[in-house]
Amino acid sequence: MRVVLGITGASGVIYGVRLAEELEKSGTEVTIIVSDAARKVLAAETPQAKFSRTLTEHDIESDVSSGSVKFDATVICPCSMKTLSAIANGFAYNLICRNADVALKEHRKLVLVVRETPLNAIHLENMLKLVKLGVTILPASPGFYHNPKTIDDLVNHVIGKVLDSLGVESNLFTRWGN
């Protein structure tokens, strides 16, 4: 399986970092694209985070900007409202948005891990527009039924849900009733 992971400038970049780690552990081929804003948030929130190789939002000549290149899914984690709006309105102004546009036009899995609160009507309308196109909107809203003890427990719950949406097995959180 090949997954494109876009990391945008929303707070909560730990979600993208953890998702990259878990996808790589699972043997999934991961192409990571980090926006300029995400680099700033990474430096502020997770300065210890390191990726083996990343693309920038400006690497528009990358293979994942083309529908002729095979990838199975795109996940944008976290997904800023700026990126959500661009995708919802077909504004493929950078590699992250272009890759999401390719996922849409090629009918591939697209998961947006939105990280914003509160939401306004524009955010919700953009999400509704994308859901009607088959996009999975997965808010970074951890559950509490598994009795989390640490921030890692909360992060793992959300990332476990993302992995579930991709069909990737994980044991990151205790499921209901277990």
N, C-alpha and C. Protein backbone atom coordinates (compact mmCIF):
# COMPACT_ATOMS: atom_id res chain seq x y z
N MET A 1 0.84 -1.17 0.00
CA MET A 1 0.00 0.00 0.00
C MET A 1 0.89 1.24 0.00
N ARG A 2 0.49 2.24 -0.78
CA ARG A 2 1.20 3.52 -0.81
C ARG A 2 0.25 4.62 -0.34
N VAL A 3 0.68 5.37 0.68
CA VAL A 3 -0.11 6.45 1.24
C VAL A 3 0.68 7.75 1.13
N VAL A 4 -0.01 8.79 0.70
CA VAL A 4 0.56 10.13 0.71
C VAL A 4 0.05 10.80 1.97
N LEU A 5 0.97 11.33 2.77
CA LEU A 5 0.63 12.01 4.02
C LEU A 5 1.00 13.47 3.89
N GLY A 6 -0.03 14.33 3.92
CA GLY A 6 0.20 15.77 3.95
C GLY A 6 0.09 16.25 5.37
N ILE A 7 1.04 17.07 5.79
CA ILE A 7 1.01 17.66 7.12
C ILE A 7 0.93 19.17 6.92
N THR A 8 -0.15 19.78 7.40
CA THR A 8 -0.35 21.21 7.21
C THR A 8 -0.16 21.95 8.53
N GLY A 9 -0.33 23.26 8.49
CA GLY A 9 0.02 24.12 9.61
C GLY A 9 -0.98 24.24 10.73
N ALA A 10 -1.89 23.32 10.85
CA ALA A 10 -2.80 23.34 12.00
C ALA A 10 -2.06 22.86 13.24
N SER A 11 -2.45 23.37 14.39
CA SER A 11 -1.90 22.85 15.64
C SER A 11 -2.26 21.37 15.73
N GLY A 12 -1.38 20.61 16.36
CA GLY A 12 -1.63 19.17 16.47
C GLY A 12 -0.80 18.36 15.49
N VAL A 13 0.36 18.89 15.10
CA VAL A 13 1.20 18.15 14.15
C VAL A 13 1.68 16.81 14.70
N ILE A 14 1.57 16.62 16.01
CA ILE A 14 1.92 15.32 16.59
C ILE A 14 1.09 14.21 15.96
N TYR A 15 -0.12 14.53 15.54
CA TYR A 15 -0.95 13.52 14.86
C TYR A 15 -0.28 13.06 13.57
N GLY A 16 0.23 13.99 12.78
CA GLY A 16 0.91 13.63 11.54
C GLY A 16 2.20 12.87 11.79
N VAL A 17 2.94 13.30 12.80
CA VAL A 17 4.19 12.62 13.16
C VAL A 17 3.90 11.18 13.56
N ARG A 18 2.92 10.98 14.43
CA ARG A 18 2.59 9.63 14.89
C ARG A 18 2.06 8.78 13.75
N LEU A 19 1.23 9.36 12.88
CA LEU A 19 0.71 8.61 11.75
C LEU A 19 1.84 8.14 10.85
N ALA A 20 2.80 9.00 10.58
CA ALA A 20 3.95 8.61 9.75
C ALA A 20 4.69 7.43 10.39
N GLU A 21 4.91 7.50 11.70
CA GLU A 21 5.60 6.42 12.41
C GLU A 21 4.83 5.10 12.29
N GLU A 22 3.52 5.16 12.51
CA GLU A 22 2.71 3.94 12.50
C GLU A 22 2.59 3.35 11.09
N LEU A 23 2.44 4.20 10.10
CA LEU A 23 2.38 3.70 8.72
C LEU A 23 3.68 3.03 8.33
N GLU A 24 4.80 3.65 8.68
CA GLU A 24 6.09 3.04 8.36
C GLU A 24 6.27 1.72 9.09
N LYS A 25 5.85 1.65 10.37
CA LYS A 25 5.93 0.40 11.13
C LYS A 25 5.12 -0.71 10.49
N SER A 26 4.00 -0.34 9.86
CA SER A 26 3.12 -1.33 9.25
C SER A 26 3.63 -1.82 7.90
N GLY A 27 4.72 -1.21 7.41
CA GLY A 27 5.25 -1.60 6.11
C GLY A 27 4.62 -0.84 4.95
N THR A 28 3.81 0.15 5.26
CA THR A 28 3.19 0.98 4.23
C THR A 28 4.22 1.94 3.64
N GLU A 29 4.22 2.07 2.34
CA GLU A 29 5.08 3.06 1.69
C GLU A 29 4.44 4.44 1.90
N VAL A 30 5.20 5.36 2.47
CA VAL A 30 4.65 6.67 2.80
C VAL A 30 5.44 7.76 2.10
N THR A 31 4.72 8.64 1.42
CA THR A 31 5.29 9.86 0.85
C THR A 31 4.77 11.00 1.71
N ILE A 32 5.68 11.75 2.34
CA ILE A 32 5.29 12.81 3.27
C ILE A 32 5.52 14.17 2.62
N ILE A 33 4.48 15.00 2.67
CA ILE A 33 4.57 16.38 2.18
C ILE A 33 4.31 17.29 3.37
N VAL A 34 5.23 18.20 3.64
CA VAL A 34 5.10 19.12 4.78
C VAL A 34 4.98 20.54 4.25
N SER A 35 3.90 21.22 4.64
CA SER A 35 3.71 22.60 4.20
C SER A 35 4.67 23.53 4.94
N ASP A 36 4.85 24.72 4.41
CA ASP A 36 5.71 25.71 5.07
C ASP A 36 5.20 26.03 6.47
N ALA A 37 3.90 26.22 6.60
CA ALA A 37 3.32 26.53 7.91
C ALA A 37 3.51 25.35 8.87
N ALA A 38 3.40 24.13 8.36
CA ALA A 38 3.59 22.95 9.22
C ALA A 38 5.01 22.88 9.75
N ARG A 39 5.98 23.30 8.96
CA ARG A 39 7.38 23.30 9.44
C ARG A 39 7.51 24.20 10.67
N LYS A 40 6.83 25.34 10.64
CA LYS A 40 6.87 26.26 11.79
C LYS A 40 6.18 25.65 13.00
N VAL A 41 5.03 25.01 12.78
CA VAL A 41 4.31 24.39 13.89
C VAL A 41 5.09 23.19 14.42
N LEU A 42 5.70 22.42 13.54
CA LEU A 42 6.55 21.29 13.98
C LEU A 42 7.65 21.79 14.90
N ALA A 43 8.31 22.89 14.53
CA ALA A 43 9.40 23.44 15.34
C ALA A 43 8.90 23.88 16.71
N ALA A 44 7.68 24.39 16.77
CA ALA A 44 7.12 24.87 18.03
C ALA A 44 6.56 23.75 18.90
N GLU A 45 5.88 22.77 18.28
CA GLU A 45 5.16 21.75 19.04
C GLU A 45 5.93 20.44 19.21
N THR A 46 6.70 20.06 18.22
CA THR A 46 7.41 18.77 18.28
C THR A 46 8.81 18.93 17.70
N PRO A 47 9.66 19.72 18.35
CA PRO A 47 10.99 19.98 17.78
C PRO A 47 11.85 18.73 17.63
N GLN A 48 11.51 17.66 18.36
CA GLN A 48 12.27 16.41 18.26
C GLN A 48 11.86 15.56 17.07
N ALA A 49 10.77 15.92 16.39
CA ALA A 49 10.26 15.11 15.27
C ALA A 49 11.24 15.13 14.11
N LYS A 50 11.50 13.96 13.58
CA LYS A 50 12.40 13.83 12.42
C LYS A 50 11.77 12.87 11.42
N PHE A 51 11.84 13.26 10.16
CA PHE A 51 11.37 12.39 9.08
C PHE A 51 12.57 12.03 8.23
N SER A 52 12.56 10.83 7.68
CA SER A 52 13.68 10.41 6.84
C SER A 52 13.75 11.23 5.56
N ARG A 53 12.61 11.50 4.95
CA ARG A 53 12.58 12.28 3.72
C ARG A 53 11.20 12.88 3.58
N THR A 54 11.17 14.16 3.25
CA THR A 54 9.88 14.80 3.01
C THR A 54 9.95 15.64 1.75
N LEU A 55 8.80 15.86 1.19
CA LEU A 55 8.65 16.81 0.10
C LEU A 55 8.11 18.10 0.70
N THR A 56 8.29 19.20 -0.03
CA THR A 56 7.69 20.45 0.40
C THR A 56 6.44 20.70 -0.42
N GLU A 57 5.64 21.65 0.01
CA GLU A 57 4.44 21.98 -0.73
C GLU A 57 4.76 22.56 -2.10
N HIS A 58 6.01 22.96 -2.32
CA HIS A 58 6.43 23.55 -3.59
C HIS A 58 6.92 22.52 -4.61
N ASP A 59 7.08 21.26 -4.20
CA ASP A 59 7.60 20.20 -5.07
C ASP A 59 6.51 19.70 -6.02
N ILE A 60 5.95 20.59 -6.77
CA ILE A 60 4.79 20.29 -7.62
C ILE A 60 5.15 19.30 -8.74
N GLU A 61 6.43 19.16 -9.04
CA GLU A 61 6.85 18.20 -10.06
C GLU A 61 6.93 16.77 -9.53
N SER A 62 6.63 16.59 -8.25
CA SER A 62 6.66 15.27 -7.64
C SER A 62 5.68 14.33 -8.34
N ASP A 63 5.99 13.04 -8.32
CA ASP A 63 5.13 12.07 -8.98
C ASP A 63 3.72 12.06 -8.42
N VAL A 64 3.52 12.37 -7.14
CA VAL A 64 2.18 12.30 -6.55
C VAL A 64 1.28 13.46 -6.98
N SER A 65 1.77 14.31 -7.86
CA SER A 65 0.92 15.37 -8.41
C SER A 65 0.22 14.91 -9.68
N SER A 66 0.46 13.66 -10.08
CA SER A 66 -0.11 13.14 -11.32
C SER A 66 -1.04 11.96 -11.06
N GLY A 67 -2.15 11.96 -11.75
CA GLY A 67 -3.09 10.85 -11.66
C GLY A 67 -2.57 9.56 -12.27
N SER A 68 -1.52 9.65 -13.08
CA SER A 68 -0.98 8.44 -13.70
C SER A 68 -0.10 7.65 -12.74
N VAL A 69 0.22 8.23 -11.60
CA VAL A 69 1.04 7.57 -10.60
C VAL A 69 0.12 6.91 -9.58
N LYS A 70 0.40 5.67 -9.28
CA LYS A 70 -0.45 4.92 -8.37
C LYS A 70 -0.09 5.20 -6.91
N PHE A 71 -1.08 5.57 -6.15
CA PHE A 71 -1.04 5.59 -4.70
C PHE A 71 -2.44 5.19 -4.26
N ASP A 72 -2.54 4.63 -3.08
CA ASP A 72 -3.82 4.09 -2.63
C ASP A 72 -4.68 5.09 -1.87
N ALA A 73 -4.02 5.97 -1.14
CA ALA A 73 -4.78 6.90 -0.30
C ALA A 73 -3.95 8.13 -0.01
N THR A 74 -4.66 9.20 0.32
CA THR A 74 -4.05 10.42 0.82
C THR A 74 -4.68 10.73 2.16
N VAL A 75 -3.84 11.07 3.12
CA VAL A 75 -4.31 11.53 4.43
C VAL A 75 -3.66 12.88 4.68
N ILE A 76 -4.45 13.86 5.05
CA ILE A 76 -3.90 15.16 5.44
C ILE A 76 -4.15 15.27 6.94
N CYS A 77 -3.04 15.28 7.69
CA CYS A 77 -3.10 15.12 9.14
C CYS A 77 -1.98 15.91 9.82
N PRO A 78 -2.28 16.98 10.49
CA PRO A 78 -3.58 17.62 10.60
C PRO A 78 -3.90 18.40 9.33
N CYS A 79 -5.17 18.67 9.16
CA CYS A 79 -5.64 19.42 8.00
C CYS A 79 -6.16 20.78 8.46
N SER A 80 -5.49 21.83 8.03
CA SER A 80 -5.92 23.18 8.38
C SER A 80 -7.20 23.53 7.62
N MET A 81 -7.91 24.51 8.10
CA MET A 81 -9.11 24.96 7.40
C MET A 81 -8.76 25.61 6.07
N LYS A 82 -7.58 26.20 5.96
CA LYS A 82 -7.11 26.75 4.67
C LYS A 82 -6.99 25.64 3.64
N THR A 83 -6.38 24.53 4.03
CA THR A 83 -6.22 23.39 3.11
C THR A 83 -7.56 22.76 2.80
N LEU A 84 -8.40 22.59 3.82
CA LEU A 84 -9.75 22.05 3.60
C LEU A 84 -10.50 22.89 2.58
N SER A 85 -10.46 24.21 2.73
CA SER A 85 -11.16 25.12 1.82
C SER A 85 -10.61 25.00 0.41
N ALA A 86 -9.28 24.96 0.28
CA ALA A 86 -8.67 24.85 -1.05
C ALA A 86 -9.13 23.56 -1.73
N ILE A 87 -9.12 22.44 -1.01
CA ILE A 87 -9.53 21.16 -1.59
C ILE A 87 -11.00 21.20 -1.98
N ALA A 88 -11.84 21.72 -1.08
CA ALA A 88 -13.28 21.76 -1.33
C ALA A 88 -13.62 22.61 -2.55
N ASN A 89 -12.77 23.57 -2.86
CA ASN A 89 -13.06 24.49 -3.95
C ASN A 89 -12.15 24.31 -5.16
N GLY A 90 -11.44 23.18 -5.21
CA GLY A 90 -10.63 22.85 -6.38
C GLY A 90 -9.45 23.76 -6.61
N PHE A 91 -8.93 24.36 -5.54
CA PHE A 91 -7.81 25.29 -5.65
C PHE A 91 -6.51 24.55 -5.31
N ALA A 92 -5.92 23.92 -6.29
CA ALA A 92 -4.75 23.07 -6.10
C ALA A 92 -3.48 23.90 -6.18
N TYR A 93 -3.32 24.81 -5.22
CA TYR A 93 -2.24 25.80 -5.26
C TYR A 93 -0.89 25.27 -4.77
N ASN A 94 -0.86 24.11 -4.15
CA ASN A 94 0.42 23.53 -3.72
C ASN A 94 0.35 22.01 -3.87
N LEU A 95 1.43 21.32 -3.55
CA LEU A 95 1.48 19.88 -3.76
C LEU A 95 0.47 19.12 -2.90
N ILE A 96 0.25 19.57 -1.68
CA ILE A 96 -0.72 18.88 -0.82
C ILE A 96 -2.11 18.95 -1.44
N CYS A 97 -2.51 20.15 -1.84
CA CYS A 97 -3.85 20.32 -2.44
C CYS A 97 -3.94 19.65 -3.80
N ARG A 98 -2.86 19.69 -4.58
CA ARG A 98 -2.86 19.03 -5.89
C ARG A 98 -3.01 17.52 -5.72
N ASN A 99 -2.29 16.95 -4.75
CA ASN A 99 -2.41 15.51 -4.52
C ASN A 99 -3.82 15.14 -4.07
N ALA A 100 -4.42 15.96 -3.21
CA ALA A 100 -5.81 15.70 -2.80
C ALA A 100 -6.74 15.80 -4.00
N ASP A 101 -6.49 16.74 -4.89
CA ASP A 101 -7.29 16.88 -6.10
C ASP A 101 -7.16 15.63 -6.97
N VAL A 102 -5.94 15.10 -7.07
CA VAL A 102 -5.72 13.86 -7.82
C VAL A 102 -6.49 12.71 -7.17
N ALA A 103 -6.43 12.62 -5.83
CA ALA A 103 -7.16 11.56 -5.13
C ALA A 103 -8.65 11.65 -5.45
N LEU A 104 -9.19 12.85 -5.45
CA LEU A 104 -10.61 13.03 -5.77
C LEU A 104 -10.92 12.61 -7.20
N LYS A 105 -10.14 13.11 -8.16
CA LYS A 105 -10.46 12.83 -9.56
C LYS A 105 -10.23 11.38 -9.95
N GLU A 106 -9.33 10.71 -9.23
CA GLU A 106 -9.04 9.31 -9.51
C GLU A 106 -9.83 8.36 -8.60
N HIS A 107 -10.71 8.92 -7.78
CA HIS A 107 -11.57 8.15 -6.87
C HIS A 107 -10.75 7.27 -5.93
N ARG A 108 -9.73 7.89 -5.35
CA ARG A 108 -8.91 7.21 -4.34
C ARG A 108 -9.31 7.70 -2.96
N LYS A 109 -8.95 6.96 -1.96
CA LYS A 109 -9.29 7.30 -0.58
C LYS A 109 -8.64 8.62 -0.20
N LEU A 110 -9.43 9.52 0.40
CA LEU A 110 -8.94 10.80 0.90
C LEU A 110 -9.50 11.00 2.30
N VAL A 111 -8.60 11.16 3.26
CA VAL A 111 -8.96 11.34 4.66
C VAL A 111 -8.39 12.66 5.14
N LEU A 112 -9.25 13.51 5.70
CA LEU A 112 -8.81 14.79 6.23
C LEU A 112 -9.00 14.79 7.75
N VAL A 113 -7.90 14.89 8.48
CA VAL A 113 -7.94 14.92 9.93
C VAL A 113 -7.96 16.40 10.33
N VAL A 114 -9.17 16.93 10.41
CA VAL A 114 -9.32 18.36 10.67
C VAL A 114 -9.04 18.67 12.13
N ARG A 115 -8.42 19.83 12.33
CA ARG A 115 -8.00 20.22 13.67
C ARG A 115 -8.32 21.71 13.85
N GLU A 116 -9.55 21.96 14.22
CA GLU A 116 -9.99 23.34 14.45
C GLU A 116 -11.18 23.32 15.38
N THR A 117 -11.28 24.32 16.21
CA THR A 117 -12.46 24.47 17.06
C THR A 117 -12.53 25.90 17.55
N PRO A 118 -13.68 26.49 17.62
CA PRO A 118 -14.95 26.02 17.10
C PRO A 118 -14.97 26.10 15.58
N LEU A 119 -15.99 25.51 15.00
CA LEU A 119 -16.16 25.52 13.55
C LEU A 119 -17.21 26.55 13.17
N ASN A 120 -16.97 27.23 12.03
CA ASN A 120 -17.99 28.16 11.56
C ASN A 120 -18.74 27.52 10.39
N ALA A 121 -19.75 28.21 9.89
CA ALA A 121 -20.60 27.65 8.83
C ALA A 121 -19.80 27.37 7.56
N ILE A 122 -18.81 28.19 7.26
CA ILE A 122 -17.98 27.95 6.06
C ILE A 122 -17.22 26.64 6.20
N HIS A 123 -16.60 26.41 7.37
CA HIS A 123 -15.89 25.14 7.61
C HIS A 123 -16.83 23.96 7.39
N LEU A 124 -18.00 24.04 7.99
CA LEU A 124 -18.97 22.94 7.91
C LEU A 124 -19.48 22.72 6.49
N GLU A 125 -19.73 23.81 5.77
CA GLU A 125 -20.16 23.68 4.36
C GLU A 125 -19.08 23.04 3.51
N ASN A 126 -17.82 23.42 3.74
CA ASN A 126 -16.72 22.80 2.99
C ASN A 126 -16.60 21.32 3.32
N MET A 127 -16.76 20.97 4.59
CA MET A 127 -16.71 19.55 4.98
C MET A 127 -17.86 18.78 4.33
N LEU A 128 -19.05 19.34 4.35
CA LEU A 128 -20.20 18.67 3.75
C LEU A 128 -19.98 18.47 2.25
N LYS A 129 -19.46 19.47 1.59
CA LYS A 129 -19.18 19.36 0.15
C LYS A 129 -18.23 18.18 -0.11
N LEU A 130 -17.20 18.06 0.72
CA LEU A 130 -16.21 16.98 0.53
C LEU A 130 -16.78 15.61 0.90
N VAL A 131 -17.57 15.53 1.96
CA VAL A 131 -18.18 14.25 2.33
C VAL A 131 -19.07 13.75 1.19
N LYS A 132 -19.78 14.66 0.54
CA LYS A 132 -20.63 14.27 -0.59
C LYS A 132 -19.81 13.73 -1.76
N LEU A 133 -18.52 14.06 -1.80
CA LEU A 133 -17.61 13.55 -2.83
C LEU A 133 -16.90 12.26 -2.39
N GLY A 134 -17.21 11.79 -1.19
CA GLY A 134 -16.62 10.54 -0.70
C GLY A 134 -15.43 10.71 0.21
N VAL A 135 -15.10 11.93 0.57
CA VAL A 135 -13.96 12.18 1.46
C VAL A 135 -14.35 11.80 2.89
N THR A 136 -13.40 11.23 3.61
CA THR A 136 -13.60 10.95 5.03
C THR A 136 -13.10 12.15 5.82
N ILE A 137 -14.01 12.75 6.58
CA ILE A 137 -13.63 13.83 7.49
C ILE A 137 -13.50 13.20 8.87
N LEU A 138 -12.28 13.22 9.40
CA LEU A 138 -12.00 12.55 10.67
C LEU A 138 -11.44 13.60 11.63
N PRO A 139 -12.32 14.24 12.39
CA PRO A 139 -11.83 15.26 13.33
C PRO A 139 -10.87 14.67 14.35
N ALA A 140 -9.89 15.43 14.73
CA ALA A 140 -8.93 15.00 15.75
C ALA A 140 -9.61 15.12 17.11
N SER A 141 -10.58 14.24 17.33
CA SER A 141 -11.38 14.24 18.56
C SER A 141 -11.26 12.88 19.23
N PRO A 142 -10.32 12.75 20.16
CA PRO A 142 -10.12 11.44 20.79
C PRO A 142 -11.30 11.05 21.66
N GLY A 143 -11.50 9.75 21.75
CA GLY A 143 -12.51 9.20 22.65
C GLY A 143 -11.94 9.06 24.05
N PHE A 144 -12.82 8.84 25.00
CA PHE A 144 -12.38 8.70 26.38
C PHE A 144 -12.84 7.39 27.01
N TYR A 145 -13.56 6.55 26.25
CA TYR A 145 -14.06 5.29 26.78
C TYR A 145 -12.95 4.31 27.08
N HIS A 146 -11.75 4.54 26.56
CA HIS A 146 -10.63 3.64 26.81
C HIS A 146 -9.77 4.11 27.99
N ASN A 147 -10.27 5.09 28.74
CA ASN A 147 -9.61 5.62 29.94
C ASN A 147 -8.16 6.04 29.69
N PRO A 148 -7.97 7.04 28.82
CA PRO A 148 -6.61 7.49 28.52
C PRO A 148 -5.92 8.05 29.76
N LYS A 149 -4.63 7.79 29.86
CA LYS A 149 -3.84 8.27 30.99
C LYS A 149 -2.83 9.34 30.57
N THR A 150 -2.48 9.35 29.29
CA THR A 150 -1.44 10.27 28.81
C THR A 150 -1.90 10.94 27.52
N ILE A 151 -1.17 11.96 27.13
CA ILE A 151 -1.42 12.60 25.84
C ILE A 151 -1.20 11.59 24.72
N ASP A 152 -0.21 10.72 24.87
CA ASP A 152 0.03 9.68 23.86
C ASP A 152 -1.20 8.80 23.68
N ASP A 153 -1.89 8.48 24.77
CA ASP A 153 -3.11 7.67 24.67
C ASP A 153 -4.16 8.39 23.83
N LEU A 154 -4.29 9.70 24.00
CA LEU A 154 -5.25 10.48 23.23
C LEU A 154 -4.86 10.54 21.76
N VAL A 155 -3.58 10.79 21.50
CA VAL A 155 -3.08 10.84 20.12
C VAL A 155 -3.26 9.48 19.46
N ASN A 156 -2.92 8.42 20.17
CA ASN A 156 -3.03 7.08 19.61
C ASN A 156 -4.46 6.71 19.25
N HIS A 157 -5.42 7.19 20.01
CA HIS A 157 -6.82 6.91 19.70
C HIS A 157 -7.19 7.49 18.33
N VAL A 158 -6.82 8.73 18.10
CA VAL A 158 -7.13 9.37 16.81
C VAL A 158 -6.38 8.67 15.69
N ILE A 159 -5.11 8.39 15.88
CA ILE A 159 -4.33 7.74 14.82
C ILE A 159 -4.83 6.32 14.57
N GLY A 160 -5.27 5.64 15.60
CA GLY A 160 -5.88 4.32 15.41
C GLY A 160 -7.11 4.41 14.52
N LYS A 161 -7.90 5.45 14.70
CA LYS A 161 -9.09 5.66 13.86
C LYS A 161 -8.69 5.95 12.40
N VAL A 162 -7.62 6.71 12.21
CA VAL A 162 -7.14 6.98 10.85
C VAL A 162 -6.69 5.68 10.20
N LEU A 163 -5.91 4.89 10.94
CA LEU A 163 -5.45 3.61 10.40
C LEU A 163 -6.62 2.69 10.07
N ASP A 164 -7.64 2.68 10.94
CA ASP A 164 -8.86 1.91 10.64
C ASP A 164 -9.46 2.34 9.31
N SER A 165 -9.52 3.65 9.06
CA SER A 165 -10.13 4.14 7.83
C SER A 165 -9.34 3.73 6.59
N LEU A 166 -8.05 3.45 6.79
CA LEU A 166 -7.20 3.01 5.68
C LEU A 166 -7.15 1.49 5.55
N GLY A 167 -7.69 0.78 6.54
CA GLY A 167 -7.62 -0.68 6.54
C GLY A 167 -6.28 -1.21 7.01
N VAL A 168 -5.56 -0.40 7.80
CA VAL A 168 -4.25 -0.80 8.34
C VAL A 168 -4.46 -1.24 9.79
N GLU A 169 -4.03 -2.46 10.10
CA GLU A 169 -4.19 -3.01 11.44
C GLU A 169 -3.31 -2.27 12.45
N SER A 170 -3.86 -2.07 13.64
CA SER A 170 -3.07 -1.48 14.73
C SER A 170 -3.70 -1.87 16.06
N ASN A 171 -2.91 -1.71 17.09
CA ASN A 171 -3.38 -1.93 18.47
C ASN A 171 -3.14 -0.67 19.28
N LEU A 172 -3.41 0.48 18.70
CA LEU A 172 -3.08 1.74 19.35
C LEU A 172 -4.03 2.12 20.47
N PHE A 173 -5.23 1.57 20.46
CA PHE A 173 -6.17 1.90 21.51
C PHE A 173 -7.05 0.69 21.79
N THR A 174 -7.64 0.69 22.97
CA THR A 174 -8.55 -0.38 23.37
C THR A 174 -9.92 -0.08 22.77
N ARG A 175 -10.43 -1.03 22.05
CA ARG A 175 -11.73 -0.85 21.41
C ARG A 175 -12.87 -1.02 22.42
N TRP A 176 -13.99 -0.45 22.09
CA TRP A 176 -15.16 -0.52 22.94
C TRP A 176 -15.49 -1.97 23.30
N GLY A 177 -15.71 -2.24 24.58
CA GLY A 177 -16.10 -3.56 25.01
C GLY A 177 -14.95 -4.51 25.21
N ASN A 178 -13.73 -4.09 24.96
CA ASN A 178 -12.56 -4.98 25.12
C ASN A 178 -11.85 -4.71 26.44
